[in-house]
Amino acid sequence: MQIEKNKVVSIDYTLKNDDGQVLDTSEGREPLNFIHGNGHLIPGLEEALEGKTKEEKLSVAIPPEKGYGNRSEEMVHTVDKSNFEPGANIEAGMQFQAQMEQGVQMLTVLKVDGDKITLDGNHPLADQTLHFDVEVKDVREASAEELEHGHVHGPEGHQH
């Protein structure tokens, strides 16, 4: 069975940057399971997996445009510390999620200067070419329930 839209796909993967540093891997964990073609993966990886079958292996370099995008200075904002809970210890490098107009977004604290906090809404992997080594472990039909819920369920189903 080939990978195509609405198939459940199971992959083992290793993600590296241009320097060969491992950024993420499924090694030592369960494979990543997802419904293909529904935006669960970055576009470039979904495209590379399209048409592949069980036990196929591939190595692919995904440019920023098909990964986490190019860095945008418009995503960097300085806000007043009063936007945070009183007494919160905010330090450069911290990451947190915030409800934004476009939905939940991951933000990174770039700088704390007195009562001013500079936040970066760019994905930490923006501007990077992503190098994936992938092995397709399984491809199967998605159940009606999985398609309705928008995610993969385990062997015993899923309780909501």
C-alpha atoms as a PDB file:
ATOM      1  CA  MET A   1       0.000   0.000   0.000  1.00  0.00           C
ATOM      2  CA  GLN A   2       1.315   3.432  -0.961  1.00  0.00           C
ATOM      3  CA  ILE A   3       1.328   6.535   1.194  1.00  0.00           C
ATOM      4  CA  GLU A   4      -1.406   8.905   0.069  1.00  0.00           C
ATOM      5  CA  LYS A   5      -3.910  11.315   1.594  1.00  0.00           C
ATOM      6  CA  ASN A   6      -5.827   9.927   4.590  1.00  0.00           C
ATOM      7  CA  LYS A   7      -3.645   6.810   5.004  1.00  0.00           C
ATOM      8  CA  VAL A   8      -2.241   6.129   8.467  1.00  0.00           C
ATOM      9  CA  VAL A   9       1.545   6.162   8.235  1.00  0.00           C
ATOM     10  CA  SER A  10       4.100   4.993  10.783  1.00  0.00           C
ATOM     11  CA  ILE A  11       7.715   6.157  10.404  1.00  0.00           C
ATOM     12  CA  ASP A  12      11.017   6.043  12.217  1.00  0.00           C
ATOM     13  CA  TYR A  13      13.017   9.198  11.599  1.00  0.00           C
ATOM     14  CA  THR A  14      16.109  11.173  12.486  1.00  0.00           C
ATOM     15  CA  LEU A  15      16.225  14.924  11.880  1.00  0.00           C
ATOM     16  CA  LYS A  16      19.579  16.692  11.534  1.00  0.00           C
ATOM     17  CA  ASN A  17      20.677  20.235  10.730  1.00  0.00           C
ATOM     18  CA  ASP A  18      23.233  21.245   8.094  1.00  0.00           C
ATOM     19  CA  ASP A  19      26.060  20.493  10.552  1.00  0.00           C
ATOM     20  CA  GLY A  20      24.856  16.916  11.060  1.00  0.00           C
ATOM     21  CA  GLN A  21      23.668  17.582  14.623  1.00  0.00           C
ATOM     22  CA  VAL A  22      20.672  15.416  15.571  1.00  0.00           C
ATOM     23  CA  LEU A  23      17.740  17.709  16.394  1.00  0.00           C
ATOM     24  CA  ASP A  24      15.096  15.017  16.898  1.00  0.00           C
ATOM     25  CA  THR A  25      14.720  11.280  16.446  1.00  0.00           C
ATOM     26  CA  SER A  26      12.260   8.494  17.068  1.00  0.00           C
ATOM     27  CA  GLU A  27      15.151   6.170  17.968  1.00  0.00           C
ATOM     28  CA  GLY A  28      14.420   4.478  21.284  1.00  0.00           C
ATOM     29  CA  ARG A  29      10.758   5.490  21.073  1.00  0.00           C
ATOM     30  CA  GLU A  30       7.656   4.339  19.280  1.00  0.00           C
ATOM     31  CA  PRO A  31       7.487   5.288  15.591  1.00  0.00           C
ATOM     32  CA  LEU A  32       5.683   8.495  14.673  1.00  0.00           C
ATOM     33  CA  ASN A  33       2.118   7.734  13.568  1.00  0.00           C
ATOM     34  CA  PHE A  34       0.040  10.259  11.611  1.00  0.00           C
ATOM     35  CA  ILE A  35      -2.708  10.629   9.044  1.00  0.00           C
ATOM     36  CA  HIS A  36      -0.995  11.610   5.803  1.00  0.00           C
ATOM     37  CA  GLY A  37      -1.968  14.754   3.916  1.00  0.00           C
ATOM     38  CA  ASN A  38      -3.697  16.500   6.804  1.00  0.00           C
ATOM     39  CA  GLY A  39      -0.950  18.913   7.847  1.00  0.00           C
ATOM     40  CA  HIS A  40       0.531  16.808  10.648  1.00  0.00           C
ATOM     41  CA  LEU A  41       4.022  17.069   9.121  1.00  0.00           C
ATOM     42  CA  ILE A  42       5.921  19.882   7.481  1.00  0.00           C
ATOM     43  CA  PRO A  43       4.954  20.129   3.789  1.00  0.00           C
ATOM     44  CA  GLY A  44       8.338  19.030   2.408  1.00  0.00           C
ATOM     45  CA  LEU A  45       8.363  15.794   4.395  1.00  0.00           C
ATOM     46  CA  GLU A  46       4.769  14.975   3.439  1.00  0.00           C
ATOM     47  CA  GLU A  47       5.680  15.523  -0.222  1.00  0.00           C
ATOM     48  CA  ALA A  48       8.765  13.296   0.074  1.00  0.00           C
ATOM     49  CA  LEU A  49       6.725  10.491   1.664  1.00  0.00           C
ATOM     50  CA  GLU A  50       3.926  10.587  -0.938  1.00  0.00           C
ATOM     51  CA  GLY A  51       3.828   7.285  -2.861  1.00  0.00           C
ATOM     52  CA  LYS A  52       6.319   5.473  -0.603  1.00  0.00           C
ATOM     53  CA  THR A  53       5.536   2.010   0.762  1.00  0.00           C
ATOM     54  CA  LYS A  54       6.221  -0.033   3.884  1.00  0.00           C
ATOM     55  CA  GLU A  55       9.934  -0.658   4.542  1.00  0.00           C
ATOM     56  CA  GLU A  56      11.107   2.051   2.120  1.00  0.00           C
ATOM     57  CA  LYS A  57      13.921   4.259   3.370  1.00  0.00           C
ATOM     58  CA  LEU A  58      14.684   7.761   2.237  1.00  0.00           C
ATOM     59  CA  SER A  59      16.976  10.654   2.997  1.00  0.00           C
ATOM     60  CA  VAL A  60      15.670  14.080   2.119  1.00  0.00           C
ATOM     61  CA  ALA A  61      16.761  17.696   2.603  1.00  0.00           C
ATOM     62  CA  ILE A  62      13.834  20.043   3.185  1.00  0.00           C
ATOM     63  CA  PRO A  63      14.443  23.744   2.451  1.00  0.00           C
ATOM     64  CA  PRO A  64      13.039  26.331   4.885  1.00  0.00           C
ATOM     65  CA  GLU A  65      10.182  27.209   2.506  1.00  0.00           C
ATOM     66  CA  LYS A  66       8.843  23.643   2.843  1.00  0.00           C
ATOM     67  CA  GLY A  67       9.828  23.280   6.489  1.00  0.00           C
ATOM     68  CA  TYR A  68       9.280  25.875   9.180  1.00  0.00           C
ATOM     69  CA  GLY A  69       9.572  28.872   6.894  1.00  0.00           C
ATOM     70  CA  ASN A  70      11.949  31.766   6.654  1.00  0.00           C
ATOM     71  CA  ARG A  71      12.648  33.904   9.666  1.00  0.00           C
ATOM     72  CA  SER A  72      10.560  37.089   9.791  1.00  0.00           C
ATOM     73  CA  GLU A  73      11.471  40.112  11.884  1.00  0.00           C
ATOM     74  CA  GLU A  74       7.725  40.896  11.926  1.00  0.00           C
ATOM     75  CA  MET A  75       7.408  37.955  14.355  1.00  0.00           C
ATOM     76  CA  VAL A  76       9.664  39.689  16.918  1.00  0.00           C
ATOM     77  CA  HIS A  77       7.874  41.962  19.399  1.00  0.00           C
ATOM     78  CA  THR A  78       8.725  43.797  22.581  1.00  0.00           C
ATOM     79  CA  VAL A  79       6.029  43.704  25.259  1.00  0.00           C
ATOM     80  CA  ASP A  80       5.705  45.056  28.769  1.00  0.00           C
ATOM     81  CA  LYS A  81       6.390  42.669  31.651  1.00  0.00           C
ATOM     82  CA  SER A  82       2.902  43.517  32.963  1.00  0.00           C
ATOM     83  CA  ASN A  83       1.581  41.104  30.298  1.00  0.00           C
ATOM     84  CA  PHE A  84       2.923  38.240  32.422  1.00  0.00           C
ATOM     85  CA  GLU A  85       1.786  36.969  35.802  1.00  0.00           C
ATOM     86  CA  PRO A  86       3.064  39.111  38.691  1.00  0.00           C
ATOM     87  CA  GLY A  87       6.355  37.754  40.040  1.00  0.00           C
ATOM     88  CA  ALA A  88       6.989  35.553  36.986  1.00  0.00           C
ATOM     89  CA  ASN A  89      10.693  34.901  36.492  1.00  0.00           C
ATOM     90  CA  ILE A  90      11.157  35.610  32.771  1.00  0.00           C
ATOM     91  CA  GLU A  91      14.602  34.866  31.315  1.00  0.00           C
ATOM     92  CA  ALA A  92      16.135  34.877  27.827  1.00  0.00           C
ATOM     93  CA  GLY A  93      15.840  31.481  26.161  1.00  0.00           C
ATOM     94  CA  MET A  94      12.562  30.534  27.845  1.00  0.00           C
ATOM     95  CA  GLN A  95       9.799  29.221  25.597  1.00  0.00           C
ATOM     96  CA  PHE A  96       6.073  29.231  26.200  1.00  0.00           C
ATOM     97  CA  GLN A  97       2.787  29.010  24.343  1.00  0.00           C
ATOM     98  CA  ALA A  98       0.488  31.989  24.005  1.00  0.00           C
ATOM     99  CA  GLN A  99      -2.969  32.466  22.536  1.00  0.00           C
ATOM    100  CA  MET A 100      -2.573  34.769  19.550  1.00  0.00           C
ATOM    101  CA  GLU A 101      -5.013  36.023  16.892  1.00  0.00           C
ATOM    102  CA  GLN A 102      -3.993  33.148  14.575  1.00  0.00           C
ATOM    103  CA  GLY A 103      -4.211  30.528  17.355  1.00  0.00           C
ATOM    104  CA  VAL A 104      -1.770  29.066  19.864  1.00  0.00           C
ATOM    105  CA  GLN A 105       1.825  30.028  19.087  1.00  0.00           C
ATOM    106  CA  MET A 106       5.191  29.080  20.579  1.00  0.00           C
ATOM    107  CA  LEU A 107       7.188  32.125  21.668  1.00  0.00           C
ATOM    108  CA  THR A 108      10.837  32.391  22.690  1.00  0.00           C
ATOM    109  CA  VAL A 109      12.117  35.088  25.043  1.00  0.00           C
ATOM    110  CA  LEU A 110      15.036  36.775  23.273  1.00  0.00           C
ATOM    111  CA  LYS A 111      15.827  39.494  25.786  1.00  0.00           C
ATOM    112  CA  VAL A 112      14.691  40.941  29.102  1.00  0.00           C
ATOM    113  CA  ASP A 113      15.526  44.610  29.571  1.00  0.00           C
ATOM    114  CA  GLY A 114      13.934  45.921  32.762  1.00  0.00           C
ATOM    115  CA  ASP A 115      10.180  45.843  32.226  1.00  0.00           C
ATOM    116  CA  LYS A 116      10.524  45.200  28.475  1.00  0.00           C
ATOM    117  CA  ILE A 117      10.554  41.633  27.145  1.00  0.00           C
ATOM    118  CA  THR A 118      11.479  40.845  23.538  1.00  0.00           C
ATOM    119  CA  LEU A 119       9.617  37.811  22.179  1.00  0.00           C
ATOM    120  CA  ASP A 120      10.246  35.830  18.997  1.00  0.00           C
ATOM    121  CA  GLY A 121       7.312  34.049  17.343  1.00  0.00           C
ATOM    122  CA  ASN A 122       9.471  32.415  14.661  1.00  0.00           C
ATOM    123  CA  HIS A 123       9.761  28.641  14.908  1.00  0.00           C
ATOM    124  CA  PRO A 124      13.176  27.702  16.374  1.00  0.00           C
ATOM    125  CA  LEU A 125      13.947  25.829  13.118  1.00  0.00           C
ATOM    126  CA  ALA A 126      12.951  28.700  10.802  1.00  0.00           C
ATOM    127  CA  ASP A 127      15.568  29.441   8.127  1.00  0.00           C
ATOM    128  CA  GLN A 128      17.087  25.964   8.473  1.00  0.00           C
ATOM    129  CA  THR A 129      17.388  23.211   5.898  1.00  0.00           C
ATOM    130  CA  LEU A 130      16.164  20.050   7.608  1.00  0.00           C
ATOM    131  CA  HIS A 131      17.779  16.705   6.831  1.00  0.00           C
ATOM    132  CA  PHE A 132      15.538  13.688   7.454  1.00  0.00           C
ATOM    133  CA  ASP A 133      16.451  10.010   7.366  1.00  0.00           C
ATOM    134  CA  VAL A 134      13.154   8.109   7.336  1.00  0.00           C
ATOM    135  CA  GLU A 135      12.057   4.492   7.297  1.00  0.00           C
ATOM    136  CA  VAL A 136       8.419   3.745   6.568  1.00  0.00           C
ATOM    137  CA  LYS A 137       7.355   1.171   9.144  1.00  0.00           C
ATOM    138  CA  ASP A 138       3.715   0.784   8.098  1.00  0.00           C
ATOM    139  CA  VAL A 139       0.964   2.183   5.882  1.00  0.00           C
ATOM    140  CA  ARG A 140      -2.692   1.330   6.440  1.00  0.00           C
ATOM    141  CA  GLU A 141      -6.206   2.566   5.865  1.00  0.00           C
ATOM    142  CA  ALA A 142      -7.445   5.069   8.430  1.00  0.00           C
ATOM    143  CA  SER A 143     -10.606   4.133  10.284  1.00  0.00           C
ATOM    144  CA  ALA A 144     -13.676   6.338   9.919  1.00  0.00           C
ATOM    145  CA  GLU A 145     -13.232   7.342  13.561  1.00  0.00           C
ATOM    146  CA  GLU A 146      -9.579   8.348  13.010  1.00  0.00           C
ATOM    147  CA  LEU A 147     -10.551  10.469  10.009  1.00  0.00           C
ATOM    148  CA  GLU A 148     -13.404  12.054  11.949  1.00  0.00           C
ATOM    149  CA  HIS A 149     -11.150  12.850  14.925  1.00  0.00           C
ATOM    150  CA  GLY A 150      -8.213  13.915  12.760  1.00  0.00           C
ATOM    151  CA  HIS A 151      -5.594  11.747  14.489  1.00  0.00           C
ATOM    152  CA  VAL A 152      -4.381   8.156  14.765  1.00  0.00           C
ATOM    153  CA  HIS A 153      -5.837   5.890  17.421  1.00  0.00           C
ATOM    154  CA  GLY A 154      -3.994   3.013  19.058  1.00  0.00           C
ATOM    155  CA  PRO A 155      -4.840  -0.682  18.768  1.00  0.00           C
ATOM    156  CA  GLU A 156      -7.543  -0.411  21.460  1.00  0.00           C
ATOM    157  CA  GLY A 157      -9.118   2.674  19.897  1.00  0.00           C
ATOM    158  CA  HIS A 158      -9.199   6.058  21.535  1.00  0.00           C
ATOM    159  CA  GLN A 159     -11.225   7.364  24.436  1.00  0.00           C
ATOM    160  CA  HIS A 160     -12.250  11.020  24.406  1.00  0.00           C
END
